[in-house]
Amino acid sequence: MVNLLAAAALAAAMPSATPPPQPEPAMFVVRDADTTVYLFGTFHALDGDPHWFGNGVRDAFEQSNELVLETLLPEGPDAPQQLRAALARPSVKPSPAFIATTRMAMNASRAQGMQVDNGADMILRHVAEAEGKPVEQLETLQFQLNMFNHLSAGAAATPADAKAGQPVNAQGGDLVHTMAEMQSAWKRGDQSVFVHMLGQLEAGSPETYRLMFTDRNARWADWIAARLQTPGTVFVAVGAGHLAGKDSVLVRLAQKGIESQRVY
């Protein structure tokens, strides 16, 4: 018994090893004297593991007075009808190639158990709405659908091996593996995967890259710069690719003299 007590006392006296912090998706912050804007890179379809929404990400979200997403998708019983109505407009005519590419990406996501309903955007929106936190959008659904229509037209001119609209140059089983790798990288905050993806997209389809990233990132940086003029704390959640690479929202902000800091 004495030996057991001595061993227990010795163990208690020794400094305990602090477990390393869990990796988190990348998040940045820009601020001035009276305004804080958190910039969180999302993954639009996830496997349902909730651990990403904890610790620092959750703390920043709860400190924020407002949530801002890329766009607000229709929800509720009439959501399918709203989407069909939007897609039926003359300005929205996705090409067969674009539809096939989108379907391939969705199938690859489902193969990994990833669903849009589990995506970071949807989770953040539902929590914000449950807490009574205002939810705004940077773009309308119609704007995004019109953009995809332009992508469809531009994709026809890209090289045969460039899959415009895909995250990377992959298809079939390779795309399933790629989606899994990207989700894993996102969860641990590894931005290099998205930098690589953006480089491939720009090389394969410069016009698609410009429409999806360069132009939109510049507009969103303008929005953030303007938002800094209003006091408060805002949680802005956009796709992780928009916060990575040489044309990111962060780079556009820096060009305006607005510094950002990575917090996770």
Protein backbone atom coordinates (compact mmCIF):
# COMPACT_ATOMS: atom_id res chain seq x y z
CA MET A 1 0.00 0.00 0.00
CA VAL A 2 2.83 2.40 0.87
CA ASN A 3 4.44 1.75 -2.49
CA LEU A 4 1.15 2.42 -4.25
CA LEU A 5 0.66 5.68 -2.34
CA ALA A 6 4.21 6.76 -3.09
CA ALA A 7 3.80 6.01 -6.77
CA ALA A 8 0.52 7.93 -6.88
CA ALA A 9 2.06 10.90 -5.10
CA LEU A 10 5.04 10.88 -7.44
CA ALA A 11 2.77 10.77 -10.50
CA ALA A 12 0.69 13.66 -9.16
CA ALA A 13 3.82 15.72 -8.56
CA MET A 14 5.13 15.24 -12.09
CA PRO A 15 4.02 17.77 -14.69
CA SER A 16 1.31 16.27 -16.89
CA ALA A 17 1.78 16.29 -20.62
CA THR A 18 -0.57 18.76 -22.27
CA PRO A 19 -2.24 17.18 -25.29
CA PRO A 20 -1.55 19.05 -28.50
CA PRO A 21 -4.44 21.22 -29.71
CA GLN A 22 -6.72 19.63 -32.26
CA PRO A 23 -6.13 20.94 -35.78
CA GLU A 24 -8.88 23.23 -37.05
CA PRO A 25 -9.94 24.60 -40.43
CA ALA A 26 -8.19 27.80 -41.43
CA MET A 27 -9.63 31.04 -40.08
CA PHE A 28 -8.36 34.59 -40.38
CA VAL A 29 -9.30 37.94 -38.89
CA VAL A 30 -9.15 41.57 -39.97
CA ARG A 31 -9.98 44.36 -37.56
CA ASP A 32 -9.78 48.01 -36.80
CA ALA A 33 -10.55 50.01 -33.67
CA ASP A 34 -14.23 49.06 -33.47
CA THR A 35 -14.83 46.30 -36.05
CA THR A 36 -13.73 42.67 -36.24
CA VAL A 37 -14.31 40.48 -39.30
CA TYR A 38 -13.55 36.77 -39.00
CA LEU A 39 -12.88 35.05 -42.33
CA PHE A 40 -13.56 31.34 -42.20
CA GLY A 41 -12.87 29.00 -45.11
CA THR A 42 -15.66 26.45 -45.49
CA PHE A 43 -16.06 23.08 -47.18
CA HIS A 44 -19.46 22.96 -48.86
CA ALA A 45 -20.11 19.22 -48.36
CA LEU A 46 -18.89 17.29 -45.32
CA ASP A 47 -19.14 13.84 -43.77
CA GLY A 48 -21.08 14.92 -40.69
CA ASP A 49 -18.18 14.86 -38.21
CA PRO A 50 -18.92 17.94 -36.03
CA HIS A 51 -15.46 18.37 -34.51
CA TRP A 52 -14.52 21.19 -36.89
CA PHE A 53 -17.12 23.42 -35.24
CA GLY A 54 -15.50 23.66 -31.85
CA ASN A 55 -12.88 25.51 -29.87
CA GLY A 56 -11.65 28.56 -31.76
CA VAL A 57 -14.12 28.41 -34.64
CA ARG A 58 -17.09 28.18 -32.30
CA ASP A 59 -15.72 30.91 -30.04
CA ALA A 60 -15.31 33.32 -32.96
CA PHE A 61 -18.77 32.46 -34.24
CA GLU A 62 -20.40 33.09 -30.86
CA GLN A 63 -18.57 36.41 -30.48
CA SER A 64 -19.97 37.58 -33.82
CA ASN A 65 -23.17 39.59 -34.18
CA GLU A 66 -23.79 38.52 -37.77
CA LEU A 67 -23.10 35.62 -40.15
CA VAL A 68 -22.33 36.29 -43.81
CA LEU A 69 -22.29 33.43 -46.35
CA GLU A 70 -21.56 33.26 -50.07
CA THR A 71 -25.24 32.78 -50.85
CA LEU A 72 -28.42 31.59 -49.16
CA LEU A 73 -29.88 28.49 -50.77
CA PRO A 74 -33.65 28.01 -50.61
CA GLU A 75 -34.78 25.88 -47.68
CA GLY A 76 -38.08 24.49 -46.50
CA PRO A 77 -40.86 22.55 -48.23
CA ASP A 78 -40.89 24.78 -51.31
CA ALA A 79 -37.09 24.78 -51.79
CA PRO A 80 -37.16 22.34 -54.75
CA GLN A 81 -39.75 24.48 -56.53
CA GLN A 82 -37.68 27.61 -55.96
CA LEU A 83 -34.59 25.95 -57.38
CA ARG A 84 -36.46 24.62 -60.40
CA ALA A 85 -37.90 28.08 -61.04
CA ALA A 86 -34.45 29.65 -60.85
CA LEU A 87 -32.96 27.05 -63.20
CA ALA A 88 -35.84 27.49 -65.65
CA ARG A 89 -35.01 31.14 -66.30
CA PRO A 90 -33.74 31.84 -69.84
CA SER A 91 -30.41 33.19 -68.56
CA VAL A 92 -29.60 29.86 -66.89
CA LYS A 93 -28.86 27.07 -69.36
CA PRO A 94 -26.07 24.85 -68.01
CA SER A 95 -24.38 22.84 -70.74
CA PRO A 96 -24.48 19.02 -70.73
CA ALA A 97 -20.73 18.99 -70.02
CA PHE A 98 -21.14 21.22 -66.98
CA ILE A 99 -24.03 19.13 -65.67
CA ALA A 100 -21.99 15.96 -66.13
CA THR A 101 -19.02 17.46 -64.30
CA THR A 102 -21.21 18.63 -61.43
CA ARG A 103 -22.86 15.21 -61.16
CA MET A 104 -19.42 13.55 -61.09
CA ALA A 105 -18.28 15.78 -58.23
CA MET A 106 -21.49 15.15 -56.28
CA ASN A 107 -21.18 11.39 -56.72
CA ALA A 108 -17.57 11.52 -55.56
CA SER A 109 -18.63 13.45 -52.47
CA ARG A 110 -21.43 11.01 -51.66
CA ALA A 111 -18.99 8.12 -52.00
CA GLN A 112 -17.14 9.63 -49.03
CA GLY A 113 -20.35 10.21 -47.07
CA MET A 114 -20.15 13.94 -47.76
CA GLN A 115 -23.41 15.88 -48.10
CA VAL A 116 -24.29 19.54 -48.59
CA ASP A 117 -26.62 19.36 -45.58
CA ASN A 118 -23.54 18.55 -43.46
CA GLY A 119 -21.45 21.28 -45.11
CA ALA A 120 -19.95 24.01 -42.98
CA ASP A 121 -22.13 26.67 -44.63
CA MET A 122 -25.37 24.88 -43.77
CA ILE A 123 -24.30 24.08 -40.21
CA LEU A 124 -23.30 27.67 -39.55
CA ARG A 125 -26.52 29.00 -41.04
CA HIS A 126 -28.75 26.69 -38.99
CA VAL A 127 -26.95 27.50 -35.74
CA ALA A 128 -27.10 31.23 -36.46
CA GLU A 129 -30.82 31.05 -37.22
CA ALA A 130 -31.45 29.03 -34.06
CA GLU A 131 -29.63 31.69 -32.02
CA GLY A 132 -31.44 34.56 -33.73
CA LYS A 133 -28.23 35.79 -35.35
CA PRO A 134 -28.75 37.71 -38.62
CA VAL A 135 -27.63 35.82 -41.73
CA GLU A 136 -26.66 37.73 -44.88
CA GLN A 137 -25.25 36.78 -48.28
CA LEU A 138 -22.51 38.14 -50.51
CA GLU A 139 -24.20 36.96 -53.71
CA THR A 140 -27.71 35.99 -54.73
CA LEU A 141 -28.54 32.51 -55.97
CA GLN A 142 -29.46 33.96 -59.34
CA PHE A 143 -26.03 35.58 -59.63
CA GLN A 144 -24.34 32.24 -59.00
CA LEU A 145 -26.55 30.41 -61.47
CA ASN A 146 -25.79 33.03 -64.12
CA MET A 147 -22.09 32.66 -63.38
CA PHE A 148 -22.28 28.89 -63.84
CA ASN A 149 -23.99 29.50 -67.16
CA HIS A 150 -21.01 31.56 -68.27
CA LEU A 151 -18.67 28.87 -67.01
CA SER A 152 -20.48 26.34 -69.18
CA ALA A 153 -19.89 28.45 -72.27
CA GLY A 154 -16.24 29.08 -71.47
CA ALA A 155 -15.47 25.49 -70.61
CA ALA A 156 -15.96 24.37 -74.20
CA ALA A 157 -12.80 26.20 -75.22
CA THR A 158 -10.57 24.59 -72.60
CA PRO A 159 -8.17 21.74 -73.42
CA ALA A 160 -9.62 18.25 -73.51
CA ASP A 161 -7.85 17.19 -70.33
CA ALA A 162 -8.95 20.28 -68.35
CA LYS A 163 -12.10 19.55 -66.36
CA ALA A 164 -13.53 23.03 -65.88
CA GLY A 165 -15.48 23.36 -62.66
CA GLN A 166 -13.85 20.37 -60.99
CA PRO A 167 -11.71 20.87 -57.89
CA VAL A 168 -8.75 19.19 -59.56
CA ASN A 169 -7.91 17.41 -62.77
CA ALA A 170 -9.38 14.06 -61.78
CA GLN A 171 -12.34 11.88 -62.54
CA GLY A 172 -13.99 8.64 -61.48
CA GLY A 173 -12.23 6.90 -58.63
CA ASP A 174 -9.44 9.48 -58.66
CA LEU A 175 -11.96 12.21 -57.89
CA VAL A 176 -13.34 10.21 -54.96
CA HIS A 177 -9.82 10.00 -53.54
CA THR A 178 -9.22 13.69 -54.25
CA MET A 179 -12.39 14.78 -52.47
CA ALA A 180 -11.39 12.75 -49.42
CA GLU A 181 -7.91 14.32 -49.43
CA MET A 182 -9.35 17.82 -49.73
CA GLN A 183 -11.77 17.27 -46.87
CA SER A 184 -8.97 15.95 -44.67
CA ALA A 185 -6.74 18.91 -45.57
CA TRP A 186 -9.58 21.33 -44.81
CA LYS A 187 -10.16 19.85 -41.37
CA ARG A 188 -6.52 20.31 -40.40
CA GLY A 189 -6.25 23.79 -41.92
CA ASP A 190 -3.85 22.83 -44.70
CA GLN A 191 -4.19 25.58 -47.28
CA SER A 192 -1.55 24.13 -49.64
CA VAL A 193 -4.06 21.66 -51.10
CA PHE A 194 -6.33 24.51 -52.17
CA VAL A 195 -3.41 26.51 -53.58
CA HIS A 196 -2.56 23.47 -55.74
CA MET A 197 -6.19 23.06 -56.81
CA LEU A 198 -6.41 26.72 -57.81
CA GLY A 199 -3.22 26.45 -59.84
CA GLN A 200 -4.61 23.49 -61.76
CA LEU A 201 -7.90 25.26 -62.41
CA GLU A 202 -6.17 28.41 -63.67
CA ALA A 203 -3.91 26.39 -65.97
CA GLY A 204 -6.79 24.34 -67.36
CA SER A 205 -9.35 27.12 -67.71
CA PRO A 206 -8.13 30.69 -67.04
CA GLU A 207 -11.58 32.15 -67.73
CA THR A 208 -13.25 29.82 -65.24
CA TYR A 209 -10.61 30.70 -62.66
CA ARG A 210 -11.17 34.42 -63.25
CA LEU A 211 -14.95 34.21 -62.97
CA MET A 212 -15.03 31.89 -59.96
CA PHE A 213 -12.15 33.29 -57.95
CA THR A 214 -10.30 36.40 -59.16
CA ASP A 215 -13.34 38.59 -59.81
CA ARG A 216 -15.41 37.39 -56.87
CA ASN A 217 -12.53 37.65 -54.41
CA ALA A 218 -11.99 41.27 -55.44
CA ARG A 219 -15.68 42.07 -54.92
CA TRP A 220 -15.74 40.37 -51.54
CA ALA A 221 -12.63 42.26 -50.44
CA ASP A 222 -14.45 45.47 -51.37
CA TRP A 223 -17.40 44.37 -49.24
CA ILE A 224 -15.17 43.61 -46.25
CA ALA A 225 -13.34 46.92 -46.57
CA ALA A 226 -16.70 48.71 -46.55
CA ARG A 227 -17.96 46.62 -43.63
CA LEU A 228 -15.00 47.73 -41.53
CA GLN A 229 -16.61 51.17 -41.48
CA THR A 230 -19.47 49.84 -39.33
CA PRO A 231 -18.73 48.81 -35.71
CA GLY A 232 -19.37 45.21 -34.69
CA THR A 233 -18.12 41.66 -35.11
CA VAL A 234 -18.93 39.68 -38.25
CA PHE A 235 -18.32 36.03 -39.13
CA VAL A 236 -17.79 35.69 -42.89
CA ALA A 237 -17.78 32.11 -44.20
CA VAL A 238 -16.77 31.45 -47.80
CA GLY A 239 -15.27 28.47 -49.60
CA ALA A 240 -11.75 27.68 -48.41
CA GLY A 241 -10.33 28.22 -51.89
CA HIS A 242 -11.25 31.90 -51.70
CA LEU A 243 -8.82 32.36 -48.79
CA ALA A 244 -5.88 30.64 -50.50
CA GLY A 245 -3.52 31.45 -53.33
CA LYS A 246 -2.22 34.53 -55.10
CA ASP A 247 -5.62 36.04 -55.85
CA SER A 248 -7.31 35.31 -52.52
CA VAL A 249 -9.58 37.63 -50.61
CA LEU A 250 -6.70 38.09 -48.16
CA VAL A 251 -4.35 39.23 -50.94
CA ARG A 252 -6.97 41.65 -52.25
CA LEU A 253 -7.41 43.07 -48.76
CA ALA A 254 -3.65 43.47 -48.39
CA GLN A 255 -3.59 45.45 -51.64
CA LYS A 256 -6.03 47.83 -49.96
CA GLY A 257 -3.73 48.18 -46.97
CA ILE A 258 -5.89 45.91 -44.78
CA GLU A 259 -3.81 43.34 -42.94
CA SER A 260 -5.17 39.93 -42.01
CA GLN A 261 -3.97 37.50 -39.38
CA ARG A 262 -4.43 33.78 -39.28
CA VAL A 263 -5.93 32.78 -35.95
CA TYR A 264 -6.36 29.01 -36.59
